[in-house]
Amino acid sequence: MLKVMSDMPDGILGIEGTGEVTADDYRQVLIPAVEQARAGGKKIRMLYYLPAEFKSFSGGAIWQDARVGTEHLLSFERVAVVTDVGWVGHSVNAFRWLIPASVKVFSAGELDDAKSWVVS
């Protein structure tokens, strides 16, 4: 499940994923949030938080993630990924060179640092 985080600094899109994240979560939560954030014409600064309650991405969610990344390739300025899920952090670090934005991985204990970094 994905939800928009309400406790984010102004101008920052925060998304939290728990349980299994599905393609419907992307279509109903993440894509509309990205499109709304982009409507102002500014590049998006986003924090993607996957706490201990996160379990997995469905195959459809992985496809939707790739689709969002392709369709909004130049829409992002900074992306902080906050997680203790090893494979997620390793995957982001392995592929961040493909993203024309600043991307940084933080541990779950560094959530406040991630918020400060994405704002700066």
PDB file of N, CA and C in Angstrom:
ATOM      1  N   MET A   1       0.834  -1.172   0.000  1.00  0.00           N
ATOM      2  CA  MET A   1       0.000   0.000   0.000  1.00  0.00           C
ATOM      3  C   MET A   1       0.887   1.247   0.000  1.00  0.00           C
ATOM      4  N   LEU A   2       0.517   2.223  -0.772  1.00  0.00           N
ATOM      5  CA  LEU A   2       1.195   3.516  -0.791  1.00  0.00           C
ATOM      6  C   LEU A   2       0.273   4.573  -0.219  1.00  0.00           C
ATOM      7  N   LYS A   3       0.885   5.551   0.461  1.00  0.00           N
ATOM      8  CA  LYS A   3       0.120   6.714   0.914  1.00  0.00           C
ATOM      9  C   LYS A   3       1.025   7.932   0.838  1.00  0.00           C
ATOM     10  N   VAL A   4       0.395   9.079   0.649  1.00  0.00           N
ATOM     11  CA  VAL A   4       1.105  10.345   0.658  1.00  0.00           C
ATOM     12  C   VAL A   4       1.346  10.717   2.115  1.00  0.00           C
ATOM     13  N   MET A   5       2.579  11.054   2.450  1.00  0.00           N
ATOM     14  CA  MET A   5       2.940  11.436   3.820  1.00  0.00           C
ATOM     15  C   MET A   5       2.489  12.876   4.063  1.00  0.00           C
ATOM     16  N   SER A   6       1.870  13.109   5.204  1.00  0.00           N
ATOM     17  CA  SER A   6       1.350  14.443   5.504  1.00  0.00           C
ATOM     18  C   SER A   6       2.337  15.314   6.273  1.00  0.00           C
ATOM     19  N   ASP A   7       3.364  14.743   6.851  1.00  0.00           N
ATOM     20  CA  ASP A   7       4.282  15.496   7.711  1.00  0.00           C
ATOM     21  C   ASP A   7       5.565  15.906   6.988  1.00  0.00           C
ATOM     22  N   MET A   8       5.427  16.317   5.740  1.00  0.00           N
ATOM     23  CA  MET A   8       6.595  16.681   4.944  1.00  0.00           C
ATOM     24  C   MET A   8       6.761  18.202   4.896  1.00  0.00           C
ATOM     25  N   PRO A   9       8.009  18.651   4.732  1.00  0.00           N
ATOM     26  CA  PRO A   9       8.242  20.093   4.557  1.00  0.00           C
ATOM     27  C   PRO A   9       7.537  20.588   3.286  1.00  0.00           C
ATOM     28  N   ASP A  10       7.256  21.882   3.236  1.00  0.00           N
ATOM     29  CA  ASP A  10       6.611  22.472   2.056  1.00  0.00           C
ATOM     30  C   ASP A  10       7.392  22.147   0.788  1.00  0.00           C
ATOM     31  N   GLY A  11       6.669  21.799  -0.254  1.00  0.00           N
ATOM     32  CA  GLY A  11       7.276  21.550  -1.547  1.00  0.00           C
ATOM     33  C   GLY A  11       7.892  20.176  -1.717  1.00  0.00           C
ATOM     34  N   ILE A  12       7.754  19.309  -0.711  1.00  0.00           N
ATOM     35  CA  ILE A  12       8.335  17.967  -0.782  1.00  0.00           C
ATOM     36  C   ILE A  12       7.208  16.947  -0.873  1.00  0.00           C
ATOM     37  N   LEU A  13       7.304  16.057  -1.847  1.00  0.00           N
ATOM     38  CA  LEU A  13       6.356  14.965  -1.988  1.00  0.00           C
ATOM     39  C   LEU A  13       6.894  13.781  -1.202  1.00  0.00           C
ATOM     40  N   GLY A  14       6.155  13.352  -0.207  1.00  0.00           N
ATOM     41  CA  GLY A  14       6.538  12.185   0.591  1.00  0.00           C
ATOM     42  C   GLY A  14       5.589  11.042   0.309  1.00  0.00           C
ATOM     43  N   ILE A  15       6.160   9.879   0.007  1.00  0.00           N
ATOM     44  CA  ILE A  15       5.371   8.676  -0.261  1.00  0.00           C
ATOM     45  C   ILE A  15       5.862   7.578   0.677  1.00  0.00           C
ATOM     46  N   GLU A  16       4.927   6.904   1.336  1.00  0.00           N
ATOM     47  CA  GLU A  16       5.273   5.800   2.231  1.00  0.00           C
ATOM     48  C   GLU A  16       4.660   4.511   1.701  1.00  0.00           C
ATOM     49  N   GLY A  17       5.469   3.468   1.662  1.00  0.00           N
ATOM     50  CA  GLY A  17       5.003   2.171   1.201  1.00  0.00           C
ATOM     51  C   GLY A  17       5.056   1.143   2.307  1.00  0.00           C
ATOM     52  N   THR A  18       3.942   0.451   2.536  1.00  0.00           N
ATOM     53  CA  THR A  18       3.889  -0.611   3.537  1.00  0.00           C
ATOM     54  C   THR A  18       3.230  -1.843   2.924  1.00  0.00           C
ATOM     55  N   GLY A  19       3.455  -2.978   3.554  1.00  0.00           N
ATOM     56  CA  GLY A  19       2.876  -4.221   3.050  1.00  0.00           C
ATOM     57  C   GLY A  19       3.361  -4.489   1.638  1.00  0.00           C
ATOM     58  N   GLU A  20       2.457  -4.968   0.782  1.00  0.00           N
ATOM     59  CA  GLU A  20       2.789  -5.157  -0.629  1.00  0.00           C
ATOM     60  C   GLU A  20       2.323  -3.940  -1.407  1.00  0.00           C
ATOM     61  N   VAL A  21       3.233  -3.353  -2.162  1.00  0.00           N
ATOM     62  CA  VAL A  21       2.910  -2.219  -3.028  1.00  0.00           C
ATOM     63  C   VAL A  21       2.522  -2.788  -4.391  1.00  0.00           C
ATOM     64  N   THR A  22       1.354  -2.366  -4.887  1.00  0.00           N
ATOM     65  CA  THR A  22       0.809  -2.923  -6.128  1.00  0.00           C
ATOM     66  C   THR A  22       0.742  -1.871  -7.236  1.00  0.00           C
ATOM     67  N   ALA A  23       0.434  -2.347  -8.428  1.00  0.00           N
ATOM     68  CA  ALA A  23       0.241  -1.445  -9.569  1.00  0.00           C
ATOM     69  C   ALA A  23      -0.895  -0.470  -9.300  1.00  0.00           C
ATOM     70  N   ASP A  24      -1.961  -0.935  -8.643  1.00  0.00           N
ATOM     71  CA  ASP A  24      -3.073  -0.037  -8.298  1.00  0.00           C
ATOM     72  C   ASP A  24      -2.619   1.072  -7.363  1.00  0.00           C
ATOM     73  N   ASP A  25      -1.696   0.778  -6.450  1.00  0.00           N
ATOM     74  CA  ASP A  25      -1.158   1.817  -5.563  1.00  0.00           C
ATOM     75  C   ASP A  25      -0.473   2.908  -6.382  1.00  0.00           C
ATOM     76  N   TYR A  26       0.255   2.498  -7.392  1.00  0.00           N
ATOM     77  CA  TYR A  26       0.924   3.477  -8.254  1.00  0.00           C
ATOM     78  C   TYR A  26      -0.098   4.307  -9.008  1.00  0.00           C
ATOM     79  N   ARG A  27      -1.100   3.629  -9.591  1.00  0.00           N
ATOM     80  CA  ARG A  27      -2.110   4.337 -10.386  1.00  0.00           C
ATOM     81  C   ARG A  27      -2.987   5.245  -9.533  1.00  0.00           C
ATOM     82  N   GLN A  28      -3.308   4.839  -8.317  1.00  0.00           N
ATOM     83  CA  GLN A  28      -4.245   5.591  -7.495  1.00  0.00           C
ATOM     84  C   GLN A  28      -3.579   6.591  -6.548  1.00  0.00           C
ATOM     85  N   VAL A  29      -2.305   6.388  -6.211  1.00  0.00           N
ATOM     86  CA  VAL A  29      -1.647   7.254  -5.229  1.00  0.00           C
ATOM     87  C   VAL A  29      -0.435   7.972  -5.819  1.00  0.00           C
ATOM     88  N   LEU A  30       0.553   7.216  -6.259  1.00  0.00           N
ATOM     89  CA  LEU A  30       1.815   7.829  -6.658  1.00  0.00           C
ATOM     90  C   LEU A  30       1.700   8.651  -7.936  1.00  0.00           C
ATOM     91  N   ILE A  31       1.109   8.120  -8.961  1.00  0.00           N
ATOM     92  CA  ILE A  31       1.018   8.851 -10.232  1.00  0.00           C
ATOM     93  C   ILE A  31       0.232  10.153 -10.075  1.00  0.00           C
ATOM     94  N   PRO A  32      -0.957  10.134  -9.435  1.00  0.00           N
ATOM     95  CA  PRO A  32      -1.652  11.423  -9.243  1.00  0.00           C
ATOM     96  C   PRO A  32      -0.841  12.406  -8.390  1.00  0.00           C
ATOM     97  N   ALA A  33      -0.123  11.905  -7.380  1.00  0.00           N
ATOM     98  CA  ALA A  33       0.685  12.798  -6.530  1.00  0.00           C
ATOM     99  C   ALA A  33       1.831  13.413  -7.324  1.00  0.00           C
ATOM    100  N   VAL A  34       2.471  12.634  -8.173  1.00  0.00           N
ATOM    101  CA  VAL A  34       3.558  13.150  -9.021  1.00  0.00           C
ATOM    102  C   VAL A  34       2.999  14.176  -9.999  1.00  0.00           C
ATOM    103  N   GLU A  35       1.882  13.868 -10.621  1.00  0.00           N
ATOM    104  CA  GLU A  35       1.294  14.810 -11.583  1.00  0.00           C
ATOM    105  C   GLU A  35       0.853  16.101 -10.909  1.00  0.00           C
ATOM    106  N   GLN A  36       0.325  16.019  -9.702  1.00  0.00           N
ATOM    107  CA  GLN A  36      -0.072  17.221  -8.965  1.00  0.00           C
ATOM    108  C   GLN A  36       1.166  18.034  -8.592  1.00  0.00           C
ATOM    109  N   ALA A  37       2.220  17.369  -8.125  1.00  0.00           N
ATOM    110  CA  ALA A  37       3.447  18.073  -7.752  1.00  0.00           C
ATOM    111  C   ALA A  37       4.081  18.744  -8.965  1.00  0.00           C
ATOM    112  N   ARG A  38       3.968  18.124 -10.105  1.00  0.00           N
ATOM    113  CA  ARG A  38       4.568  18.649 -11.333  1.00  0.00           C
ATOM    114  C   ARG A  38       3.724  19.761 -11.949  1.00  0.00           C
ATOM    115  N   ALA A  39       2.446  19.843 -11.586  1.00  0.00           N
ATOM    116  CA  ALA A  39       1.539  20.831 -12.175  1.00  0.00           C
ATOM    117  C   ALA A  39       2.007  22.261 -11.953  1.00  0.00           C
ATOM    118  N   GLY A  40       2.730  22.510 -10.878  1.00  0.00           N
ATOM    119  CA  GLY A  40       3.237  23.848 -10.612  1.00  0.00           C
ATOM    120  C   GLY A  40       4.395  24.242 -11.503  1.00  0.00           C
ATOM    121  N   GLY A  41       4.901  23.310 -12.285  1.00  0.00           N
ATOM    122  CA  GLY A  41       5.986  23.599 -13.214  1.00  0.00           C
ATOM    123  C   GLY A  41       7.376  23.414 -12.638  1.00  0.00           C
ATOM    124  N   LYS A  42       7.472  23.219 -11.327  1.00  0.00           N
ATOM    125  CA  LYS A  42       8.779  23.017 -10.707  1.00  0.00           C
ATOM    126  C   LYS A  42       9.147  21.540 -10.737  1.00  0.00           C
ATOM    127  N   LYS A  43      10.440  21.292 -10.634  1.00  0.00           N
ATOM    128  CA  LYS A  43      10.892  19.907 -10.517  1.00  0.00           C
ATOM    129  C   LYS A  43      10.517  19.376  -9.138  1.00  0.00           C
ATOM    130  N   ILE A  44      10.347  18.077  -9.072  1.00  0.00           N
ATOM    131  CA  ILE A  44       9.865  17.430  -7.863  1.00  0.00           C
ATOM    132  C   ILE A  44      11.029  17.036  -6.958  1.00  0.00           C
ATOM    133  N   ARG A  45      10.848  17.310  -5.696  1.00  0.00           N
ATOM    134  CA  ARG A  45      11.730  16.791  -4.649  1.00  0.00           C
ATOM    135  C   ARG A  45      10.878  15.776  -3.888  1.00  0.00           C
ATOM    136  N   MET A  46      11.356  14.529  -3.848  1.00  0.00           N
ATOM    137  CA  MET A  46      10.535  13.453  -3.307  1.00  0.00           C
ATOM    138  C   MET A  46      11.289  12.632  -2.284  1.00  0.00           C
ATOM    139  N   LEU A  47      10.571  12.221  -1.258  1.00  0.00           N
ATOM    140  CA  LEU A  47      11.081  11.280  -0.280  1.00  0.00           C
ATOM    141  C   LEU A  47      10.216  10.037  -0.381  1.00  0.00           C
ATOM    142  N   TYR A  48      10.857   8.893  -0.616  1.00  0.00           N
ATOM    143  CA  TYR A  48      10.157   7.616  -0.741  1.00  0.00           C
ATOM    144  C   TYR A  48      10.568   6.776   0.455  1.00  0.00           C
ATOM    145  N   TYR A  49       9.633   6.548   1.369  1.00  0.00           N
ATOM    146  CA  TYR A  49       9.905   5.890   2.647  1.00  0.00           C
ATOM    147  C   TYR A  49       9.332   4.480   2.644  1.00  0.00           C
ATOM    148  N   LEU A  50      10.198   3.506   2.848  1.00  0.00           N
ATOM    149  CA  LEU A  50       9.789   2.105   2.938  1.00  0.00           C
ATOM    150  C   LEU A  50      10.217   1.586   4.311  1.00  0.00           C
ATOM    151  N   PRO A  51       9.344   1.723   5.329  1.00  0.00           N
ATOM    152  CA  PRO A  51       9.679   1.300   6.681  1.00  0.00           C
ATOM    153  C   PRO A  51       9.658  -0.225   6.822  1.00  0.00           C
ATOM    154  N   ALA A  52       9.865  -0.696   8.049  1.00  0.00           N
ATOM    155  CA  ALA A  52       9.915  -2.139   8.311  1.00  0.00           C
ATOM    156  C   ALA A  52       8.636  -2.855   7.876  1.00  0.00           C
ATOM    157  N   GLU A  53       7.507  -2.131   7.832  1.00  0.00           N
ATOM    158  CA  GLU A  53       6.230  -2.736   7.436  1.00  0.00           C
ATOM    159  C   GLU A  53       6.146  -3.022   5.933  1.00  0.00           C
ATOM    160  N   PHE A  54       7.104  -2.498   5.159  1.00  0.00           N
ATOM    161  CA  PHE A  54       7.137  -2.782   3.725  1.00  0.00           C
ATOM    162  C   PHE A  54       7.550  -4.232   3.519  1.00  0.00           C
ATOM    163  N   LYS A  55       6.843  -4.926   2.635  1.00  0.00           N
ATOM    164  CA  LYS A  55       7.153  -6.332   2.355  1.00  0.00           C
ATOM    165  C   LYS A  55       7.687  -6.543   0.941  1.00  0.00           C
ATOM    166  N   SER A  56       6.982  -5.989  -0.066  1.00  0.00           N
ATOM    167  CA  SER A  56       7.402  -6.256  -1.437  1.00  0.00           C
ATOM    168  C   SER A  56       6.675  -5.346  -2.423  1.00  0.00           C
ATOM    169  N   PHE A  57       7.195  -5.354  -3.653  1.00  0.00           N
ATOM    170  CA  PHE A  57       6.520  -4.736  -4.791  1.00  0.00           C
ATOM    171  C   PHE A  57       5.960  -5.869  -5.630  1.00  0.00           C
ATOM    172  N   SER A  58       4.732  -5.736  -6.089  1.00  0.00           N
ATOM    173  CA  SER A  58       4.198  -6.722  -7.030  1.00  0.00           C
ATOM    174  C   SER A  58       4.881  -6.500  -8.379  1.00  0.00           C
ATOM    175  N   GLY A  59       4.769  -7.471  -9.268  1.00  0.00           N
ATOM    176  CA  GLY A  59       5.330  -7.310 -10.610  1.00  0.00           C
ATOM    177  C   GLY A  59       4.748  -6.096 -11.315  1.00  0.00           C
ATOM    178  N   GLY A  60       3.452  -5.883 -11.137  1.00  0.00           N
ATOM    179  CA  GLY A  60       2.792  -4.720 -11.742  1.00  0.00           C
ATOM    180  C   GLY A  60       3.307  -3.410 -11.181  1.00  0.00           C
ATOM    181  N   ALA A  61       3.644  -3.390  -9.886  1.00  0.00           N
ATOM    182  CA  ALA A  61       4.183  -2.169  -9.276  1.00  0.00           C
ATOM    183  C   ALA A  61       5.565  -1.862  -9.846  1.00  0.00           C
ATOM    184  N   ILE A  62       6.356  -2.883 -10.064  1.00  0.00           N
ATOM    185  CA  ILE A  62       7.689  -2.668 -10.653  1.00  0.00           C
ATOM    186  C   ILE A  62       7.535  -2.089 -12.054  1.00  0.00           C
ATOM    187  N   TRP A  63       6.576  -2.605 -12.811  1.00  0.00           N
ATOM    188  CA  TRP A  63       6.314  -2.084 -14.156  1.00  0.00           C
ATOM    189  C   TRP A  63       5.853  -0.622 -14.084  1.00  0.00           C
ATOM    190  N   GLN A  64       4.949  -0.311 -13.160  1.00  0.00           N
ATOM    191  CA  GLN A  64       4.456   1.058 -13.018  1.00  0.00           C
ATOM    192  C   GLN A  64       5.588   1.996 -12.580  1.00  0.00           C
ATOM    193  N   ASP A  65       6.486   1.523 -11.724  1.00  0.00           N
ATOM    194  CA  ASP A  65       7.615   2.335 -11.290  1.00  0.00           C
ATOM    195  C   ASP A  65       8.491   2.687 -12.488  1.00  0.00           C
ATOM    196  N   ALA A  66       8.762   1.707 -13.328  1.00  0.00           N
ATOM    197  CA  ALA A  66       9.567   1.967 -14.531  1.00  0.00           C
ATOM    198  C   ALA A  66       8.839   2.942 -15.456  1.00  0.00           C
ATOM    199  N   ARG A  67       7.541   2.787 -15.560  1.00  0.00           N
ATOM    200  CA  ARG A  67       6.742   3.673 -16.417  1.00  0.00           C
ATOM    201  C   ARG A  67       6.767   5.112 -15.900  1.00  0.00           C
ATOM    202  N   VAL A  68       6.587   5.294 -14.593  1.00  0.00           N
ATOM    203  CA  VAL A  68       6.637   6.635 -13.999  1.00  0.00           C
ATOM    204  C   VAL A  68       8.019   7.234 -14.229  1.00  0.00           C
ATOM    205  N   GLY A  69       9.050   6.432 -14.014  1.00  0.00           N
ATOM    206  CA  GLY A  69      10.414   6.908 -14.220  1.00  0.00           C
ATOM    207  C   GLY A  69      10.672   7.348 -15.648  1.00  0.00           C
ATOM    208  N   THR A  70      10.113   6.634 -16.601  1.00  0.00           N
ATOM    209  CA  THR A  70      10.298   6.971 -18.010  1.00  0.00           C
ATOM    210  C   THR A  70       9.486   8.202 -18.403  1.00  0.00           C
ATOM    211  N   GLU A  71       8.221   8.233 -18.015  1.00  0.00           N
ATOM    212  CA  GLU A  71       7.341   9.347 -18.388  1.00  0.00           C
ATOM    213  C   GLU A  71       7.711  10.652 -17.691  1.00  0.00           C
ATOM    214  N   HIS A  72       8.308  10.551 -16.513  1.00  0.00           N
ATOM    215  CA  HIS A  72       8.651  11.743 -15.736  1.00  0.00           C
ATOM    216  C   HIS A  72      10.168  11.834 -15.519  1.00  0.00           C
ATOM    217  N   LEU A  73      10.911  11.347 -16.472  1.00  0.00           N
ATOM    218  CA  LEU A  73      12.365  11.246 -16.349  1.00  0.00           C
ATOM    219  C   LEU A  73      13.016  12.565 -15.927  1.00  0.00           C
ATOM    220  N   LEU A  74      12.570  13.663 -16.497  1.00  0.00           N
ATOM    221  CA  LEU A  74      13.184  14.957 -16.203  1.00  0.00           C
ATOM    222  C   LEU A  74      12.396  15.771 -15.180  1.00  0.00           C
ATOM    223  N   SER A  75      11.433  15.153 -14.523  1.00  0.00           N
ATOM    224  CA  SER A  75      10.562  15.866 -13.589  1.00  0.00           C
ATOM    225  C   SER A  75      11.131  15.962 -12.176  1.00  0.00           C
ATOM    226  N   PHE A  76      12.139  15.162 -11.873  1.00  0.00           N
ATOM    227  CA  PHE A  76      12.647  15.103 -10.507  1.00  0.00           C
ATOM    228  C   PHE A  76      13.953  15.866 -10.362  1.00  0.00           C
ATOM    229  N   GLU A  77      14.081  16.537  -9.211  1.00  0.00           N
ATOM    230  CA  GLU A  77      15.314  17.243  -8.880  1.00  0.00           C
ATOM    231  C   GLU A  77      16.117  16.469  -7.835  1.00  0.00           C
ATOM    232  N   ARG A  78      15.437  15.985  -6.799  1.00  0.00           N
ATOM    233  CA  ARG A  78      16.062  15.210  -5.731  1.00  0.00           C
ATOM    234  C   ARG A  78      15.113  14.110  -5.304  1.00  0.00           C
ATOM    235  N   VAL A  79      15.681  12.938  -5.036  1.00  0.00           N
ATOM    236  CA  VAL A  79      14.890  11.823  -4.529  1.00  0.00           C
ATOM    237  C   VAL A  79      15.667  11.175  -3.391  1.00  0.00           C
ATOM    238  N   ALA A  80      15.053  11.137  -2.217  1.00  0.00           N
ATOM    239  CA  ALA A  80      15.614  10.437  -1.066  1.00  0.00           C
ATOM    240  C   ALA A  80      14.818   9.150  -0.888  1.00  0.00           C
ATOM    241  N   VAL A  81      15.514   8.033  -0.829  1.00  0.00           N
ATOM    242  CA  VAL A  81      14.879   6.748  -0.569  1.00  0.00           C
ATOM    243  C   VAL A  81      15.304   6.332   0.834  1.00  0.00           C
ATOM    244  N   VAL A  82      14.325   6.134   1.704  1.00  0.00           N
ATOM    245  CA  VAL A  82      14.594   5.819   3.106  1.00  0.00           C
ATOM    246  C   VAL A  82      14.106   4.401   3.373  1.00  0.00           C
ATOM    247  N   THR A  83      15.054   3.507   3.683  1.00  0.00           N
ATOM    248  CA  THR A  83      14.681   2.111   3.892  1.00  0.00           C
ATOM    249  C   THR A  83      15.812   1.345   4.554  1.00  0.00           C
ATOM    250  N   ASP A  84      15.441   0.297   5.251  1.00  0.00           N
ATOM    251  CA  ASP A  84      16.413  -0.674   5.764  1.00  0.00           C
ATOM    252  C   ASP A  84      16.303  -1.988   4.996  1.00  0.00           C
ATOM    253  N   VAL A  85      15.491  -1.989   3.946  1.00  0.00           N
ATOM    254  CA  VAL A  85      15.341  -3.177   3.102  1.00  0.00           C
ATOM    255  C   VAL A  85      16.543  -3.212   2.165  1.00  0.00           C
ATOM    256  N   GLY A  86      17.457  -4.132   2.438  1.00  0.00           N
ATOM    257  CA  GLY A  86      18.734  -4.169   1.741  1.00  0.00           C
ATOM    258  C   GLY A  86      18.649  -4.167   0.232  1.00  0.00           C
ATOM    259  N   TRP A  87      17.805  -5.024  -0.337  1.00  0.00           N
ATOM    260  CA  TRP A  87      17.758  -5.119  -1.798  1.00  0.00           C
ATOM    261  C   TRP A  87      17.234  -3.831  -2.436  1.00  0.00           C
ATOM    262  N   VAL A  88      16.369  -3.098  -1.720  1.00  0.00           N
ATOM    263  CA  VAL A  88      15.860  -1.837  -2.260  1.00  0.00           C
ATOM    264  C   VAL A  88      16.982  -0.814  -2.326  1.00  0.00           C
ATOM    265  N   GLY A  89      17.702  -0.657  -1.221  1.00  0.00           N
ATOM    266  CA  GLY A  89      18.820   0.286  -1.190  1.00  0.00           C
ATOM    267  C   GLY A  89      19.880  -0.050  -2.218  1.00  0.00           C
ATOM    268  N   HIS A  90      20.216  -1.327  -2.330  1.00  0.00           N
ATOM    269  CA  HIS A  90      21.226  -1.754  -3.316  1.00  0.00           C
ATOM    270  C   HIS A  90      20.751  -1.500  -4.745  1.00  0.00           C
ATOM    271  N   SER A  91      19.471  -1.763  -5.007  1.00  0.00           N
ATOM    272  CA  SER A  91      18.930  -1.533  -6.351  1.00  0.00           C
ATOM    273  C   SER A  91      18.958  -0.052  -6.714  1.00  0.00           C
ATOM    274  N   VAL A  92      18.548   0.796  -5.772  1.00  0.00           N
ATOM    275  CA  VAL A  92      18.566   2.239  -6.026  1.00  0.00           C
ATOM    276  C   VAL A  92      19.992   2.705  -6.291  1.00  0.00           C
ATOM    277  N   ASN A  93      20.926   2.261  -5.462  1.00  0.00           N
ATOM    278  CA  ASN A  93      22.323   2.668  -5.660  1.00  0.00           C
ATOM    279  C   ASN A  93      22.890   2.156  -6.981  1.00  0.00           C
ATOM    280  N   ALA A  94      22.474   0.965  -7.388  1.00  0.00           N
ATOM    281  CA  ALA A  94      22.988   0.393  -8.634  1.00  0.00           C
ATOM    282  C   ALA A  94      22.468   1.127  -9.870  1.00  0.00           C
ATOM    283  N   PHE A  95      21.236   1.637  -9.803  1.00  0.00           N
ATOM    284  CA  PHE A  95      20.618   2.231 -10.983  1.00  0.00           C
ATOM    285  C   PHE A  95      20.440   3.740 -10.923  1.00  0.00           C
ATOM    286  N   ARG A  96      20.908   4.382  -9.856  1.00  0.00           N
ATOM    287  CA  ARG A  96      20.678   5.825  -9.745  1.00  0.00           C
ATOM    288  C   ARG A  96      21.394   6.627 -10.815  1.00  0.00           C
ATOM    289  N   TRP A  97      22.421   6.078 -11.426  1.00  0.00           N
ATOM    290  CA  TRP A  97      23.123   6.781 -12.500  1.00  0.00           C
ATOM    291  C   TRP A  97      22.225   6.964 -13.721  1.00  0.00           C
ATOM    292  N   LEU A  98      21.138   6.194 -13.807  1.00  0.00           N
ATOM    293  CA  LEU A  98      20.199   6.331 -14.923  1.00  0.00           C
ATOM    294  C   LEU A  98      19.220   7.481 -14.719  1.00  0.00           C
ATOM    295  N   ILE A  99      19.161   8.013 -13.502  1.00  0.00           N
ATOM    296  CA  ILE A  99      18.177   9.032 -13.162  1.00  0.00           C
ATOM    297  C   ILE A  99      18.850  10.398 -13.182  1.00  0.00           C
ATOM    298  N   PRO A 100      18.371  11.321 -14.019  1.00  0.00           N
ATOM    299  CA  PRO A 100      18.988  12.651 -14.093  1.00  0.00           C
ATOM    300  C   PRO A 100      18.523  13.562 -12.951  1.00  0.00           C
ATOM    301  N   ALA A 101      18.703  13.076 -11.732  1.00  0.00           N
ATOM    302  CA  ALA A 101      18.359  13.821 -10.517  1.00  0.00           C
ATOM    303  C   ALA A 101      19.320  13.361  -9.433  1.00  0.00           C
ATOM    304  N   SER A 102      19.436  14.128  -8.377  1.00  0.00           N
ATOM    305  CA  SER A 102      20.224  13.683  -7.229  1.00  0.00           C
ATOM    306  C   SER A 102      19.406  12.639  -6.479  1.00  0.00           C
ATOM    307  N   VAL A 103      19.995  11.474  -6.265  1.00  0.00           N
ATOM    308  CA  VAL A 103      19.320  10.375  -5.587  1.00  0.00           C
ATOM    309  C   VAL A 103      20.226   9.891  -4.466  1.00  0.00           C
ATOM    310  N   LYS A 104      19.643   9.722  -3.291  1.00  0.00           N
ATOM    311  CA  LYS A 104      20.431   9.269  -2.150  1.00  0.00           C
ATOM    312  C   LYS A 104      19.595   8.312  -1.313  1.00  0.00           C
ATOM    313  N   VAL A 105      20.247   7.255  -0.811  1.00  0.00           N
ATOM    314  CA  VAL A 105      19.593   6.264   0.031  1.00  0.00           C
ATOM    315  C   VAL A 105      19.951   6.540   1.485  1.00  0.00           C
ATOM    316  N   PHE A 106      18.947   6.488   2.346  1.00  0.00           N
ATOM    317  CA  PHE A 106      19.115   6.679   3.779  1.00  0.00           C
ATOM    318  C   PHE A 106      18.539   5.478   4.514  1.00  0.00           C
ATOM    319  N   SER A 107      19.063   5.176   5.691  1.00  0.00           N
ATOM    320  CA  SER A 107      18.471   4.127   6.514  1.00  0.00           C
ATOM    321  C   SER A 107      17.221   4.683   7.190  1.00  0.00           C
ATOM    322  N   ALA A 108      16.386   3.796   7.679  1.00  0.00           N
ATOM    323  CA  ALA A 108      15.137   4.228   8.315  1.00  0.00           C
ATOM    324  C   ALA A 108      15.401   5.139   9.511  1.00  0.00           C
ATOM    325  N   GLY A 109      16.488   4.931  10.210  1.00  0.00           N
ATOM    326  CA  GLY A 109      16.839   5.783  11.340  1.00  0.00           C
ATOM    327  C   GLY A 109      17.278   7.177  10.940  1.00  0.00           C
ATOM    328  N   GLU A 110      17.485   7.392   9.652  1.00  0.00           N
ATOM    329  CA  GLU A 110      17.933   8.682   9.138  1.00  0.00           C
ATOM    330  C   GLU A 110      16.813   9.455   8.444  1.00  0.00           C
ATOM    331  N   LEU A 111      15.579   9.179   8.805  1.00  0.00           N
ATOM    332  CA  LEU A 111      14.434   9.828   8.156  1.00  0.00           C
ATOM    333  C   LEU A 111      14.527  11.347   8.239  1.00  0.00           C
ATOM    334  N   ASP A 112      14.863  11.878   9.400  1.00  0.00           N
ATOM    335  CA  ASP A 112      14.972  13.336   9.532  1.00  0.00           C
ATOM    336  C   ASP A 112      16.105  13.885   8.678  1.00  0.00           C
ATOM    337  N   ASP A 113      17.229  13.159   8.602  1.00  0.00           N
ATOM    338  CA  ASP A 113      18.342  13.582   7.738  1.00  0.00           C
ATOM    339  C   ASP A 113      17.911  13.579   6.270  1.00  0.00           C
ATOM    340  N   ALA A 114      17.122  12.571   5.893  1.00  0.00           N
ATOM    341  CA  ALA A 114      16.639  12.486   4.513  1.00  0.00           C
ATOM    342  C   ALA A 114      15.732  13.676   4.184  1.00  0.00           C
ATOM    343  N   LYS A 115      14.866  14.049   5.109  1.00  0.00           N
ATOM    344  CA  LYS A 115      13.990  15.211   4.897  1.00  0.00           C
ATOM    345  C   LYS A 115      14.830  16.466   4.728  1.00  0.00           C
ATOM    346  N   SER A 116      15.854  16.631   5.566  1.00  0.00           N
ATOM    347  CA  SER A 116      16.722  17.811   5.466  1.00  0.00           C
ATOM    348  C   SER A 116      17.460  17.813   4.141  1.00  0.00           C
ATOM    349  N   TRP A 117      17.952  16.659   3.697  1.00  0.00           N
ATOM    350  CA  TRP A 117      18.713  16.580   2.448  1.00  0.00           C
ATOM    351  C   TRP A 117      17.824  16.906   1.257  1.00  0.00           C
ATOM    352  N   VAL A 118      16.628  16.356   1.211  1.00  0.00           N
ATOM    353  CA  VAL A 118      15.754  16.565   0.053  1.00  0.00           C
ATOM    354  C   VAL A 118      15.313  18.016  -0.032  1.00  0.00           C
ATOM    355  N   VAL A 119      15.263  18.717   1.090  1.00  0.00           N
ATOM    356  CA  VAL A 119      14.899  20.140   1.105  1.00  0.00           C
ATOM    357  C   VAL A 119      16.062  21.011   0.643  1.00  0.00           C
ATOM    358  N   SER A 120      17.283  20.633   1.009  1.00  0.00           N
ATOM    359  CA  SER A 120      18.463  21.488   0.758  1.00  0.00           C
ATOM    360  C   SER A 120      18.809  21.660  -0.703  1.00  0.00           C
TER     361      SER A 120
END
